[in-house]
Every structure is written in C-alpha cells, then in structure tokens.
Amino acid sequence: MVTKLHMLCVMRLMALLLWGLSGIAQGASSVPAGNGLATAIFAAGCFWCVESDFDKVPGVLSTTSGYTGGEKKDPTYDQVSAGGTGHKEAVQIVFDPNKVSYAQLLKVFWNNVDPLDAKGQFCDKGEQYRSAIFYNNEEQQQAAEQSKGELEKSGRFKQAIVTQIVPASAFYPAEEYHQDYHNKNPLRYKFYRFNCGRDAQLEELRKKTTNEKG
C-alpha cells in the first residue's frame, strides 16, 4: 500500500533526479569561521528547509547542509536518509556575532521546528530527521539549555519538548547538489516544502499555542 509518506519520499528523490538531469552545479556558500565569526549547528528535518530559513537572517554569512551526530566517516545522503548511521541531516551556520547573537539564532530555530516530535520532523521520519541543537562550546550549551527551559516554562506547549541538545561532533558537508537547493531549484524546493506540510504544521503549532494560552 502506497502511503502519503512514501509518496513524499518519492517526490524528494524525483526532485534530486530532475536536478541531476537539468541543473548546473554551483559552489556552496561556505565561509569558514574565524576573524570574529562563529558557527552554530542545528537539525530540524530536511536541511534544504533549514538552510532556507536561516539564509533569511541578517548576520548569517553562510549555511552548509550536512551530516553530523554519528560515528560513520564521510557518510552519503543515501546512507543517512536510510537511517542507521547515527547522523542527522543538519545545517552548519557561520554568523557574525556583532550582527546576530546565538540567542537570536535559537529563537529562529524554535520558530521553525516541531519540538514535540520525537520521531522526526514533518513528513520526514526517523532519528536522522529528529530535531537537535549541536553546541560548540559551554556558552552555546548554556544558551541552548536556557532557551529550551524558557520555552518549557512559558506554557506554550502542554507536551514535552523532545528536541535534543548535544555536543557538536564532526560535521560532514552534504553532496554539492544539496547545497543552496532552495536557490538552485526554487520551484522544486517549494513543491517539496508544500507537500511535506512544513509551513502548514508550523502554523498549526502557532494556532495551538494561541488556543492553549487563551
């Protein structure tokens, strides 16, 4: 029996295939941290969508889709998306702390994630798609824990917040065709995002918050 989830997975694979047939490879926007810059790593399901969300934030200089959290070296998309590697789809963000703080990035993260789903994010299910904050130092850990605690105390949700907060480990950039996918293939990206129900579910979470507060 073909389920909606199976269809969405097929659509994502078809988008990748179509890109491979007609797209022209472009370099990923990647700026190494240094010279006062800093990095953040977030997992919130499909990394195409996470890249798109954070690229809109002033002070963010680059976003790189990749894999992290597991022990397998140099994992591929097929390996990670199939599960079992321990890695998650994630995005490494290089930002200027003078223009945007890590705390502000955390707010963007919480507003673009379903923190109640322990099975994945939106139409993408599996540990490889579970939401997580990967902290690079003690300061980021404290900020992440504080932001999660504030969200829990706010009463915004009745259910438990299951987003993980874990130390950062080796980050492996994803294949080139994944980088800046929302810019290289805007129509296919929007088609995938809409059919995955990401924005619709985020809106439902906001409505739920309003109703529960009311």
N, C-alpha and C. Protein backbone atom coordinates (compact mmCIF):
# COMPACT_ATOMS: atom_id res chain seq x y z
N MET A 1 0.85 -1.20 0.00
CA MET A 1 0.00 0.00 0.00
C MET A 1 0.88 1.25 0.00
N VAL A 2 0.61 2.19 -0.91
CA VAL A 2 1.41 3.41 -1.01
C VAL A 2 0.86 4.45 -0.05
N THR A 3 1.65 4.87 0.90
CA THR A 3 1.22 5.87 1.88
C THR A 3 1.65 7.25 1.43
N LYS A 4 1.09 8.25 2.10
CA LYS A 4 1.45 9.63 1.79
C LYS A 4 2.92 9.87 2.06
N LEU A 5 3.45 9.27 3.12
CA LEU A 5 4.87 9.43 3.44
C LEU A 5 5.73 8.85 2.34
N HIS A 6 5.34 7.68 1.81
CA HIS A 6 6.10 7.08 0.72
C HIS A 6 6.10 7.99 -0.50
N MET A 7 4.95 8.58 -0.79
CA MET A 7 4.84 9.47 -1.94
C MET A 7 5.73 10.68 -1.79
N LEU A 8 5.79 11.24 -0.58
CA LEU A 8 6.62 12.42 -0.34
C LEU A 8 8.09 12.08 -0.49
N CYS A 9 8.48 10.90 -0.01
CA CYS A 9 9.87 10.47 -0.17
C CYS A 9 10.21 10.33 -1.64
N VAL A 10 9.27 9.77 -2.41
CA VAL A 10 9.48 9.61 -3.84
C VAL A 10 9.62 10.96 -4.51
N MET A 11 8.79 11.95 -4.09
CA MET A 11 8.85 13.28 -4.67
C MET A 11 10.19 13.94 -4.41
N ARG A 12 10.73 13.72 -3.22
CA ARG A 12 12.02 14.31 -2.91
C ARG A 12 13.11 13.69 -3.77
N LEU A 13 13.07 12.38 -3.93
CA LEU A 13 14.04 11.69 -4.77
C LEU A 13 13.90 12.13 -6.23
N MET A 14 12.65 12.33 -6.67
CA MET A 14 12.44 12.80 -8.04
C MET A 14 13.00 14.20 -8.24
N ALA A 15 12.86 15.04 -7.22
CA ALA A 15 13.41 16.40 -7.32
C ALA A 15 14.92 16.35 -7.47
N LEU A 16 15.56 15.44 -6.72
CA LEU A 16 17.01 15.30 -6.83
C LEU A 16 17.40 14.77 -8.20
N LEU A 17 16.64 13.81 -8.73
CA LEU A 17 16.93 13.26 -10.04
C LEU A 17 16.79 14.31 -11.13
N LEU A 18 15.71 15.08 -11.05
CA LEU A 18 15.49 16.13 -12.04
C LEU A 18 16.59 17.17 -11.99
N TRP A 19 17.05 17.48 -10.78
CA TRP A 19 18.15 18.44 -10.67
C TRP A 19 19.38 17.88 -11.35
N GLY A 20 19.65 16.59 -11.12
CA GLY A 20 20.84 15.97 -11.70
C GLY A 20 20.79 15.96 -13.21
N LEU A 21 19.57 15.87 -13.79
CA LEU A 21 19.43 15.83 -15.23
C LEU A 21 19.53 17.20 -15.86
N SER A 22 19.03 18.24 -15.14
CA SER A 22 18.94 19.54 -15.79
C SER A 22 19.68 20.66 -15.09
N GLY A 23 20.09 20.44 -13.83
CA GLY A 23 20.72 21.51 -13.08
C GLY A 23 22.19 21.65 -13.40
N ILE A 24 22.72 22.80 -13.09
CA ILE A 24 24.15 23.07 -13.24
C ILE A 24 24.72 23.27 -11.86
N ALA A 25 25.76 22.52 -11.52
CA ALA A 25 26.33 22.59 -10.17
C ALA A 25 26.88 23.97 -9.89
N GLN A 26 26.66 24.44 -8.66
CA GLN A 26 27.19 25.71 -8.21
C GLN A 26 27.86 25.49 -6.87
N GLY A 27 28.85 26.32 -6.57
CA GLY A 27 29.57 26.15 -5.31
C GLY A 27 28.70 26.51 -4.13
N ALA A 28 28.83 25.76 -3.04
CA ALA A 28 28.08 26.05 -1.84
C ALA A 28 28.62 27.31 -1.19
N SER A 29 27.73 28.10 -0.62
CA SER A 29 28.15 29.31 0.09
C SER A 29 28.71 28.90 1.44
N SER A 30 30.00 28.83 1.53
CA SER A 30 30.61 28.38 2.77
C SER A 30 31.71 29.33 3.18
N VAL A 31 31.56 29.95 4.35
CA VAL A 31 32.55 30.87 4.87
C VAL A 31 33.12 30.29 6.14
N PRO A 32 34.41 30.00 6.20
CA PRO A 32 34.98 29.41 7.42
C PRO A 32 34.90 30.37 8.59
N ALA A 33 34.64 29.82 9.78
CA ALA A 33 34.58 30.66 10.97
C ALA A 33 35.98 31.20 11.27
N GLY A 34 36.05 32.34 11.87
CA GLY A 34 37.32 32.99 12.16
C GLY A 34 37.14 34.48 12.01
N ASN A 35 38.15 35.26 12.36
CA ASN A 35 38.07 36.71 12.24
C ASN A 35 36.83 37.26 12.96
N GLY A 36 36.56 36.70 14.14
CA GLY A 36 35.42 37.18 14.92
C GLY A 36 34.11 36.51 14.57
N LEU A 37 34.10 35.57 13.62
CA LEU A 37 32.88 34.89 13.24
C LEU A 37 32.68 33.67 14.13
N ALA A 38 31.48 33.12 14.11
CA ALA A 38 31.16 31.96 14.94
C ALA A 38 30.30 30.99 14.14
N THR A 39 30.18 29.76 14.64
CA THR A 39 29.36 28.75 13.96
C THR A 39 28.29 28.21 14.89
N ALA A 40 27.20 27.79 14.30
CA ALA A 40 26.11 27.12 15.01
C ALA A 40 25.67 25.94 14.16
N ILE A 41 25.19 24.89 14.80
CA ILE A 41 24.71 23.71 14.06
C ILE A 41 23.34 23.32 14.59
N PHE A 42 22.37 23.27 13.67
CA PHE A 42 21.01 22.91 14.03
C PHE A 42 20.49 21.80 13.11
N ALA A 43 19.68 20.91 13.68
CA ALA A 43 18.98 19.89 12.90
C ALA A 43 17.49 20.09 13.10
N ALA A 44 16.76 20.17 12.00
CA ALA A 44 15.31 20.39 12.08
C ALA A 44 14.61 19.75 10.89
N GLY A 45 14.99 18.52 10.61
CA GLY A 45 14.41 17.84 9.47
C GLY A 45 15.18 18.13 8.20
N CYS A 46 14.48 18.22 7.08
CA CYS A 46 15.10 18.44 5.77
C CYS A 46 16.04 19.63 5.78
N PHE A 47 17.31 19.39 5.45
CA PHE A 47 18.27 20.50 5.53
C PHE A 47 18.08 21.54 4.45
N TRP A 48 17.38 21.20 3.35
CA TRP A 48 17.05 22.23 2.37
C TRP A 48 16.25 23.35 3.04
N CYS A 49 15.28 22.95 3.86
CA CYS A 49 14.38 23.91 4.50
C CYS A 49 15.09 24.70 5.59
N VAL A 50 15.95 24.04 6.34
CA VAL A 50 16.68 24.73 7.41
C VAL A 50 17.61 25.78 6.82
N GLU A 51 18.28 25.43 5.72
CA GLU A 51 19.14 26.40 5.03
C GLU A 51 18.33 27.63 4.64
N SER A 52 17.18 27.38 4.02
CA SER A 52 16.34 28.48 3.54
C SER A 52 15.91 29.38 4.68
N ASP A 53 15.52 28.80 5.81
CA ASP A 53 15.07 29.59 6.96
C ASP A 53 16.17 30.49 7.50
N PHE A 54 17.39 29.96 7.61
CA PHE A 54 18.47 30.74 8.22
C PHE A 54 19.15 31.67 7.23
N ASP A 55 19.05 31.40 5.94
CA ASP A 55 19.63 32.32 4.96
C ASP A 55 18.95 33.69 5.00
N LYS A 56 17.73 33.73 5.54
CA LYS A 56 16.98 34.99 5.59
C LYS A 56 17.37 35.86 6.77
N VAL A 57 18.19 35.33 7.67
CA VAL A 57 18.51 36.05 8.91
C VAL A 57 19.69 36.98 8.70
N PRO A 58 19.53 38.30 8.94
CA PRO A 58 20.64 39.23 8.83
C PRO A 58 21.76 38.84 9.81
N GLY A 59 22.98 38.84 9.33
CA GLY A 59 24.11 38.46 10.18
C GLY A 59 24.58 37.04 9.93
N VAL A 60 23.74 36.24 9.25
CA VAL A 60 24.15 34.90 8.85
C VAL A 60 24.92 35.02 7.54
N LEU A 61 26.15 34.54 7.53
CA LEU A 61 27.02 34.69 6.37
C LEU A 61 27.00 33.48 5.45
N SER A 62 26.78 32.30 5.99
CA SER A 62 26.70 31.12 5.15
C SER A 62 25.96 30.01 5.86
N THR A 63 25.38 29.13 5.07
CA THR A 63 24.73 27.92 5.60
C THR A 63 25.21 26.74 4.76
N THR A 64 25.53 25.65 5.43
CA THR A 64 26.00 24.46 4.73
C THR A 64 25.23 23.25 5.20
N SER A 65 24.57 22.57 4.27
CA SER A 65 23.86 21.33 4.61
C SER A 65 24.86 20.21 4.81
N GLY A 66 24.58 19.35 5.78
CA GLY A 66 25.50 18.25 6.02
C GLY A 66 24.95 17.23 6.99
N TYR A 67 25.85 16.39 7.47
CA TYR A 67 25.50 15.29 8.35
C TYR A 67 26.39 15.33 9.59
N THR A 68 25.78 15.08 10.75
CA THR A 68 26.55 15.10 11.99
C THR A 68 25.82 14.30 13.06
N GLY A 69 26.57 13.95 14.10
CA GLY A 69 25.97 13.25 15.23
C GLY A 69 26.28 11.77 15.28
N GLY A 70 26.75 11.21 14.17
CA GLY A 70 27.07 9.78 14.11
C GLY A 70 28.57 9.54 14.10
N GLU A 71 28.93 8.28 14.02
CA GLU A 71 30.34 7.91 14.03
C GLU A 71 30.87 7.54 12.64
N LYS A 72 29.98 7.29 11.70
CA LYS A 72 30.42 6.90 10.36
C LYS A 72 31.10 8.07 9.66
N LYS A 73 32.29 7.83 9.14
CA LYS A 73 33.04 8.88 8.45
C LYS A 73 32.55 9.04 7.01
N ASP A 74 32.53 10.28 6.58
CA ASP A 74 32.15 10.62 5.20
C ASP A 74 30.86 9.92 4.75
N PRO A 75 29.78 10.09 5.48
CA PRO A 75 28.52 9.44 5.09
C PRO A 75 27.95 10.08 3.83
N THR A 76 27.16 9.33 3.11
CA THR A 76 26.48 9.84 1.93
C THR A 76 25.01 10.10 2.25
N TYR A 77 24.34 10.81 1.37
CA TYR A 77 22.92 11.10 1.57
C TYR A 77 22.10 9.82 1.63
N ASP A 78 22.39 8.89 0.73
CA ASP A 78 21.65 7.63 0.72
C ASP A 78 21.80 6.89 2.04
N GLN A 79 23.00 6.90 2.60
CA GLN A 79 23.25 6.21 3.86
C GLN A 79 22.52 6.88 5.02
N VAL A 80 22.61 8.20 5.10
CA VAL A 80 22.00 8.92 6.22
C VAL A 80 20.48 8.87 6.12
N SER A 81 19.93 9.10 4.94
CA SER A 81 18.48 9.13 4.79
C SER A 81 17.85 7.77 5.04
N ALA A 82 18.62 6.71 4.86
CA ALA A 82 18.11 5.37 5.11
C ALA A 82 18.08 5.04 6.59
N GLY A 83 18.81 5.80 7.40
CA GLY A 83 18.86 5.57 8.84
C GLY A 83 19.94 4.57 9.21
N GLY A 84 20.26 4.55 10.51
CA GLY A 84 21.22 3.58 11.00
C GLY A 84 22.65 4.08 11.11
N THR A 85 22.94 5.30 10.61
CA THR A 85 24.31 5.81 10.69
C THR A 85 24.56 6.59 11.98
N GLY A 86 23.49 6.99 12.66
CA GLY A 86 23.63 7.84 13.83
C GLY A 86 23.67 9.31 13.48
N HIS A 87 23.84 9.61 12.19
CA HIS A 87 23.90 11.01 11.75
C HIS A 87 22.50 11.58 11.54
N LYS A 88 22.41 12.90 11.63
CA LYS A 88 21.19 13.62 11.30
C LYS A 88 21.48 14.57 10.14
N GLU A 89 20.46 14.86 9.37
CA GLU A 89 20.57 15.98 8.42
C GLU A 89 20.64 17.25 9.27
N ALA A 90 21.63 18.07 9.03
CA ALA A 90 21.82 19.27 9.84
C ALA A 90 22.38 20.39 8.97
N VAL A 91 22.41 21.58 9.54
CA VAL A 91 22.96 22.74 8.83
C VAL A 91 23.96 23.45 9.73
N GLN A 92 25.14 23.69 9.17
CA GLN A 92 26.17 24.46 9.87
C GLN A 92 26.06 25.91 9.42
N ILE A 93 25.95 26.79 10.39
CA ILE A 93 25.72 28.21 10.11
C ILE A 93 26.93 29.02 10.56
N VAL A 94 27.46 29.84 9.68
CA VAL A 94 28.52 30.78 10.05
C VAL A 94 27.86 32.15 10.18
N PHE A 95 28.06 32.80 11.32
CA PHE A 95 27.40 34.08 11.57
C PHE A 95 28.33 35.09 12.22
N ASP A 96 27.95 36.33 12.11
CA ASP A 96 28.70 37.42 12.72
C ASP A 96 28.02 37.79 14.04
N PRO A 97 28.64 37.48 15.18
CA PRO A 97 28.02 37.77 16.49
C PRO A 97 27.75 39.24 16.73
N ASN A 98 28.41 40.11 15.96
CA ASN A 98 28.17 41.54 16.10
C ASN A 98 26.86 41.96 15.43
N LYS A 99 26.33 41.09 14.59
CA LYS A 99 25.10 41.40 13.87
C LYS A 99 23.92 40.55 14.31
N VAL A 100 24.20 39.33 14.75
CA VAL A 100 23.15 38.45 15.24
C VAL A 100 23.74 37.56 16.32
N SER A 101 23.06 37.46 17.43
CA SER A 101 23.57 36.66 18.55
C SER A 101 23.15 35.20 18.41
N TYR A 102 23.83 34.34 19.14
CA TYR A 102 23.46 32.93 19.15
C TYR A 102 22.06 32.76 19.74
N ALA A 103 21.73 33.58 20.74
CA ALA A 103 20.40 33.53 21.34
C ALA A 103 19.33 33.86 20.31
N GLN A 104 19.61 34.80 19.42
CA GLN A 104 18.64 35.15 18.37
C GLN A 104 18.49 34.01 17.36
N LEU A 105 19.60 33.32 17.07
CA LEU A 105 19.52 32.17 16.17
C LEU A 105 18.68 31.06 16.80
N LEU A 106 18.78 30.90 18.11
CA LEU A 106 17.97 29.91 18.80
C LEU A 106 16.48 30.22 18.65
N LYS A 107 16.13 31.49 18.70
CA LYS A 107 14.73 31.88 18.54
C LYS A 107 14.24 31.53 17.14
N VAL A 108 15.10 31.75 16.15
CA VAL A 108 14.73 31.38 14.78
C VAL A 108 14.53 29.87 14.69
N PHE A 109 15.43 29.13 15.33
CA PHE A 109 15.33 27.67 15.33
C PHE A 109 14.00 27.21 15.93
N TRP A 110 13.67 27.69 17.13
CA TRP A 110 12.44 27.24 17.80
C TRP A 110 11.19 27.60 17.01
N ASN A 111 11.25 28.70 16.25
CA ASN A 111 10.09 29.12 15.46
C ASN A 111 9.94 28.34 14.16
N ASN A 112 10.93 27.51 13.83
CA ASN A 112 10.88 26.77 12.57
C ASN A 112 11.07 25.28 12.77
N VAL A 113 10.67 24.80 13.93
CA VAL A 113 10.83 23.39 14.26
C VAL A 113 9.59 22.90 15.02
N ASP A 114 9.32 21.60 14.93
CA ASP A 114 8.29 20.99 15.76
C ASP A 114 9.02 20.34 16.93
N PRO A 115 9.08 21.00 18.09
CA PRO A 115 9.85 20.47 19.22
C PRO A 115 9.17 19.33 19.96
N LEU A 116 7.98 18.95 19.50
CA LEU A 116 7.21 17.91 20.18
C LEU A 116 7.34 16.54 19.52
N ASP A 117 7.98 16.49 18.36
CA ASP A 117 8.05 15.26 17.56
C ASP A 117 9.36 14.53 17.81
N ALA A 118 9.29 13.39 18.46
CA ALA A 118 10.47 12.58 18.73
C ALA A 118 10.76 11.60 17.61
N LYS A 119 9.88 11.57 16.60
CA LYS A 119 10.04 10.59 15.52
C LYS A 119 10.60 11.20 14.24
N GLY A 120 10.85 12.51 14.24
CA GLY A 120 11.37 13.17 13.05
C GLY A 120 10.84 14.58 12.95
N GLN A 121 10.72 15.08 11.74
CA GLN A 121 10.19 16.42 11.53
C GLN A 121 9.28 16.43 10.31
N PHE A 122 8.04 16.82 10.53
CA PHE A 122 7.06 17.00 9.46
C PHE A 122 6.91 15.68 8.69
N CYS A 123 7.12 15.66 7.37
CA CYS A 123 6.90 14.41 6.63
C CYS A 123 8.11 13.49 6.68
N ASP A 124 9.23 13.97 7.19
CA ASP A 124 10.45 13.16 7.26
C ASP A 124 10.56 12.50 8.63
N LYS A 125 10.50 11.19 8.66
CA LYS A 125 10.53 10.48 9.92
C LYS A 125 11.78 9.62 10.05
N GLY A 126 12.19 9.42 11.29
CA GLY A 126 13.39 8.65 11.58
C GLY A 126 14.34 9.48 12.43
N GLU A 127 15.20 8.82 13.17
CA GLU A 127 16.15 9.51 14.04
C GLU A 127 17.02 10.49 13.25
N GLN A 128 17.25 10.18 11.98
CA GLN A 128 18.09 11.05 11.15
C GLN A 128 17.44 12.40 10.87
N TYR A 129 16.15 12.51 11.17
CA TYR A 129 15.44 13.78 10.95
C TYR A 129 14.95 14.41 12.26
N ARG A 130 15.33 13.85 13.37
CA ARG A 130 14.89 14.40 14.65
C ARG A 130 15.57 15.74 14.93
N SER A 131 14.86 16.65 15.57
CA SER A 131 15.42 17.98 15.82
C SER A 131 16.48 17.94 16.91
N ALA A 132 17.50 18.78 16.74
CA ALA A 132 18.60 18.82 17.70
C ALA A 132 19.37 20.13 17.59
N ILE A 133 19.95 20.52 18.71
CA ILE A 133 20.87 21.65 18.76
C ILE A 133 22.23 21.08 19.11
N PHE A 134 23.22 21.30 18.25
CA PHE A 134 24.57 20.82 18.49
C PHE A 134 25.42 22.01 18.95
N TYR A 135 25.80 22.01 20.22
CA TYR A 135 26.55 23.16 20.74
C TYR A 135 28.05 22.97 20.55
N ASN A 136 28.73 24.09 20.28
CA ASN A 136 30.17 24.07 20.02
C ASN A 136 31.02 24.38 21.25
N ASN A 137 30.40 24.94 22.28
CA ASN A 137 31.16 25.29 23.48
C ASN A 137 30.18 25.41 24.65
N GLU A 138 30.74 25.67 25.83
CA GLU A 138 29.92 25.75 27.04
C GLU A 138 28.93 26.90 26.97
N GLU A 139 29.35 28.00 26.37
CA GLU A 139 28.47 29.16 26.26
C GLU A 139 27.23 28.82 25.42
N GLN A 140 27.44 28.13 24.30
CA GLN A 140 26.31 27.75 23.46
C GLN A 140 25.43 26.72 24.18
N GLN A 141 26.05 25.82 24.92
CA GLN A 141 25.26 24.82 25.67
C GLN A 141 24.35 25.51 26.67
N GLN A 142 24.89 26.45 27.41
CA GLN A 142 24.10 27.16 28.41
C GLN A 142 22.96 27.94 27.76
N ALA A 143 23.27 28.59 26.63
CA ALA A 143 22.24 29.36 25.93
C ALA A 143 21.14 28.44 25.41
N ALA A 144 21.52 27.28 24.88
CA ALA A 144 20.54 26.33 24.35
C ALA A 144 19.66 25.77 25.47
N GLU A 145 20.29 25.39 26.57
CA GLU A 145 19.53 24.85 27.70
C GLU A 145 18.59 25.91 28.27
N GLN A 146 19.06 27.14 28.33
CA GLN A 146 18.24 28.23 28.86
C GLN A 146 17.04 28.49 27.95
N SER A 147 17.28 28.50 26.65
CA SER A 147 16.19 28.76 25.71
C SER A 147 15.15 27.65 25.76
N LYS A 148 15.61 26.41 25.88
CA LYS A 148 14.69 25.28 25.98
C LYS A 148 13.90 25.37 27.29
N GLY A 149 14.59 25.72 28.37
CA GLY A 149 13.92 25.85 29.66
C GLY A 149 12.87 26.95 29.65
N GLU A 150 13.19 28.06 29.01
CA GLU A 150 12.24 29.16 28.93
C GLU A 150 11.01 28.76 28.11
N LEU A 151 11.24 27.97 27.06
CA LEU A 151 10.12 27.51 26.24
C LEU A 151 9.22 26.56 27.05
N GLU A 152 9.84 25.71 27.84
CA GLU A 152 9.07 24.77 28.67
C GLU A 152 8.26 25.51 29.73
N LYS A 153 8.86 26.53 30.34
CA LYS A 153 8.18 27.28 31.40
C LYS A 153 7.13 28.24 30.87
N SER A 154 7.22 28.57 29.59
CA SER A 154 6.30 29.55 29.02
C SER A 154 4.87 29.02 28.94
N GLY A 155 4.71 27.70 29.01
CA GLY A 155 3.38 27.13 28.87
C GLY A 155 2.90 27.09 27.45
N ARG A 156 3.81 27.34 26.50
CA ARG A 156 3.44 27.37 25.09
C ARG A 156 2.91 26.01 24.64
N PHE A 157 3.50 24.94 25.20
CA PHE A 157 3.05 23.60 24.84
C PHE A 157 2.75 22.79 26.10
N LYS A 158 1.74 21.94 26.01
CA LYS A 158 1.43 21.05 27.11
C LYS A 158 2.29 19.79 27.06
N GLN A 159 2.68 19.38 25.84
CA GLN A 159 3.50 18.19 25.68
C GLN A 159 4.97 18.50 25.98
N ALA A 160 5.72 17.43 26.20
CA ALA A 160 7.15 17.58 26.48
C ALA A 160 7.90 18.01 25.22
N ILE A 161 8.90 18.86 25.42
CA ILE A 161 9.77 19.28 24.33
C ILE A 161 10.88 18.24 24.21
N VAL A 162 10.98 17.62 23.05
CA VAL A 162 11.89 16.48 22.88
C VAL A 162 13.12 16.80 22.03
N THR A 163 13.28 18.06 21.65
CA THR A 163 14.46 18.46 20.89
C THR A 163 15.71 18.17 21.71
N GLN A 164 16.68 17.53 21.09
CA GLN A 164 17.91 17.17 21.78
C GLN A 164 18.91 18.33 21.80
N ILE A 165 19.68 18.41 22.88
CA ILE A 165 20.79 19.36 22.98
C ILE A 165 22.03 18.54 23.27
N VAL A 166 22.92 18.47 22.29
CA VAL A 166 24.07 17.57 22.37
C VAL A 166 25.34 18.28 21.88
N PRO A 167 26.51 17.81 22.33
CA PRO A 167 27.76 18.44 21.87
C PRO A 167 27.98 18.19 20.39
N ALA A 168 28.55 19.19 19.72
CA ALA A 168 28.86 19.06 18.30
C ALA A 168 29.99 18.06 18.11
N SER A 169 29.92 17.36 17.00
CA SER A 169 30.98 16.42 16.63
C SER A 169 31.35 16.71 15.18
N ALA A 170 32.05 15.80 14.54
CA ALA A 170 32.46 16.02 13.16
C ALA A 170 31.26 16.34 12.28
N PHE A 171 31.40 17.37 11.46
CA PHE A 171 30.34 17.78 10.55
C PHE A 171 30.80 17.49 9.12
N TYR A 172 30.01 16.73 8.39
CA TYR A 172 30.36 16.36 7.02
C TYR A 172 29.44 17.07 6.03
N PRO A 173 29.96 18.00 5.23
CA PRO A 173 29.12 18.68 4.25
C PRO A 173 28.44 17.68 3.32
N ALA A 174 27.20 17.93 3.01
CA ALA A 174 26.46 17.06 2.10
C ALA A 174 26.95 17.25 0.67
N GLU A 175 26.49 16.38 -0.20
CA GLU A 175 26.86 16.45 -1.61
C GLU A 175 26.50 17.82 -2.19
N GLU A 176 27.25 18.23 -3.20
CA GLU A 176 27.10 19.58 -3.76
C GLU A 176 25.68 19.89 -4.22
N TYR A 177 24.97 18.89 -4.76
CA TYR A 177 23.64 19.18 -5.29
C TYR A 177 22.65 19.54 -4.18
N HIS A 178 22.99 19.27 -2.92
CA HIS A 178 22.11 19.65 -1.81
C HIS A 178 22.32 21.10 -1.37
N GLN A 179 23.51 21.64 -1.62
CA GLN A 179 23.83 22.97 -1.12
C GLN A 179 23.02 24.04 -1.85
N ASP A 180 22.42 24.95 -1.07
CA ASP A 180 21.62 26.05 -1.63
C ASP A 180 20.53 25.55 -2.56
N TYR A 181 19.94 24.40 -2.23
CA TYR A 181 18.95 23.80 -3.11
C TYR A 181 17.77 24.75 -3.35
N HIS A 182 17.40 25.51 -2.32
CA HIS A 182 16.25 26.40 -2.46
C HIS A 182 16.50 27.53 -3.45
N ASN A 183 17.78 27.87 -3.67
CA ASN A 183 18.12 28.90 -4.65
C ASN A 183 18.34 28.30 -6.03
N LYS A 184 18.93 27.13 -6.10
CA LYS A 184 19.22 26.50 -7.39
C LYS A 184 17.95 25.96 -8.05
N ASN A 185 17.04 25.47 -7.23
CA ASN A 185 15.84 24.81 -7.74
C ASN A 185 14.61 25.31 -6.98
N PRO A 186 14.28 26.59 -7.10
CA PRO A 186 13.20 27.17 -6.28
C PRO A 186 11.84 26.51 -6.47
N LEU A 187 11.47 26.16 -7.69
CA LEU A 187 10.15 25.56 -7.90
C LEU A 187 10.08 24.17 -7.29
N ARG A 188 11.10 23.36 -7.51
CA ARG A 188 11.11 22.01 -6.95
C ARG A 188 11.17 22.07 -5.42
N TYR A 189 11.94 23.04 -4.91
CA TYR A 189 12.04 23.19 -3.46
C TYR A 189 10.68 23.56 -2.86
N LYS A 190 10.02 24.54 -3.44
CA LYS A 190 8.71 24.97 -2.93
C LYS A 190 7.68 23.85 -3.03
N PHE A 191 7.76 23.07 -4.11
CA PHE A 191 6.85 21.94 -4.28
C PHE A 191 7.06 20.92 -3.17
N TYR A 192 8.33 20.62 -2.89
CA TYR A 192 8.63 19.66 -1.82
C TYR A 192 8.18 20.20 -0.47
N ARG A 193 8.52 21.45 -0.16
CA ARG A 193 8.19 22.03 1.15
C ARG A 193 6.68 22.06 1.37
N PHE A 194 5.93 22.43 0.33
CA PHE A 194 4.48 22.49 0.46
C PHE A 194 3.91 21.10 0.70
N ASN A 195 4.33 20.12 -0.10
CA ASN A 195 3.79 18.77 0.02
C ASN A 195 4.22 18.08 1.30
N CYS A 196 5.34 18.51 1.85
CA CYS A 196 5.78 17.95 3.13
C CYS A 196 4.93 18.50 4.28
N GLY A 197 4.23 19.61 4.04
CA GLY A 197 3.36 20.18 5.05
C GLY A 197 4.09 20.95 6.14
N ARG A 198 5.31 21.35 5.86
CA ARG A 198 6.12 22.01 6.89
C ARG A 198 5.48 23.31 7.38
N ASP A 199 5.18 24.21 6.46
CA ASP A 199 4.63 25.50 6.87
C ASP A 199 3.23 25.36 7.45
N ALA A 200 2.45 24.45 6.91
CA ALA A 200 1.09 24.23 7.43
C ALA A 200 1.14 23.73 8.87
N GLN A 201 2.08 22.82 9.15
CA GLN A 201 2.19 22.29 10.51
C GLN A 201 2.74 23.33 11.48
N LEU A 202 3.68 24.14 11.00
CA LEU A 202 4.20 25.21 11.85
C LEU A 202 3.08 26.19 12.21
N GLU A 203 2.22 26.47 11.24
CA GLU A 203 1.09 27.37 11.50
C GLU A 203 0.14 26.75 12.51
N GLU A 204 -0.08 25.43 12.41
CA GLU A 204 -0.93 24.75 13.37
C GLU A 204 -0.34 24.80 14.77
N LEU A 205 0.98 24.69 14.87
CA LEU A 205 1.64 24.78 16.17
C LEU A 205 1.45 26.17 16.78
N ARG A 206 1.51 27.19 15.92
CA ARG A 206 1.29 28.57 16.41
C ARG A 206 -0.14 28.76 16.86
N LYS A 207 -1.10 28.21 16.12
CA LYS A 207 -2.50 28.31 16.49
C LYS A 207 -2.75 27.56 17.81
N LYS A 208 -2.11 26.42 17.92
CA LYS A 208 -2.25 25.60 19.12
C LYS A 208 -1.75 26.38 20.32
N THR A 209 -0.64 27.08 20.14
CA THR A 209 -0.07 27.88 21.19
C THR A 209 -1.05 28.96 21.62
N THR A 210 -1.64 29.64 20.63
CA THR A 210 -2.60 30.71 20.93
C THR A 210 -3.81 30.17 21.66
N ASN A 211 -4.31 29.02 21.20
CA ASN A 211 -5.50 28.43 21.82
C ASN A 211 -5.23 27.97 23.26
N GLU A 212 -4.04 27.39 23.46
CA GLU A 212 -3.72 26.88 24.79
C GLU A 212 -3.53 28.05 25.76
N LYS A 213 -2.96 29.16 25.26
CA LYS A 213 -2.78 30.32 26.12
C LYS A 213 -4.13 30.95 26.44
N GLY A 214 -5.01 30.91 25.43
CA GLY A 214 -6.32 31.52 25.60
C GLY A 214 -7.18 30.71 26.53
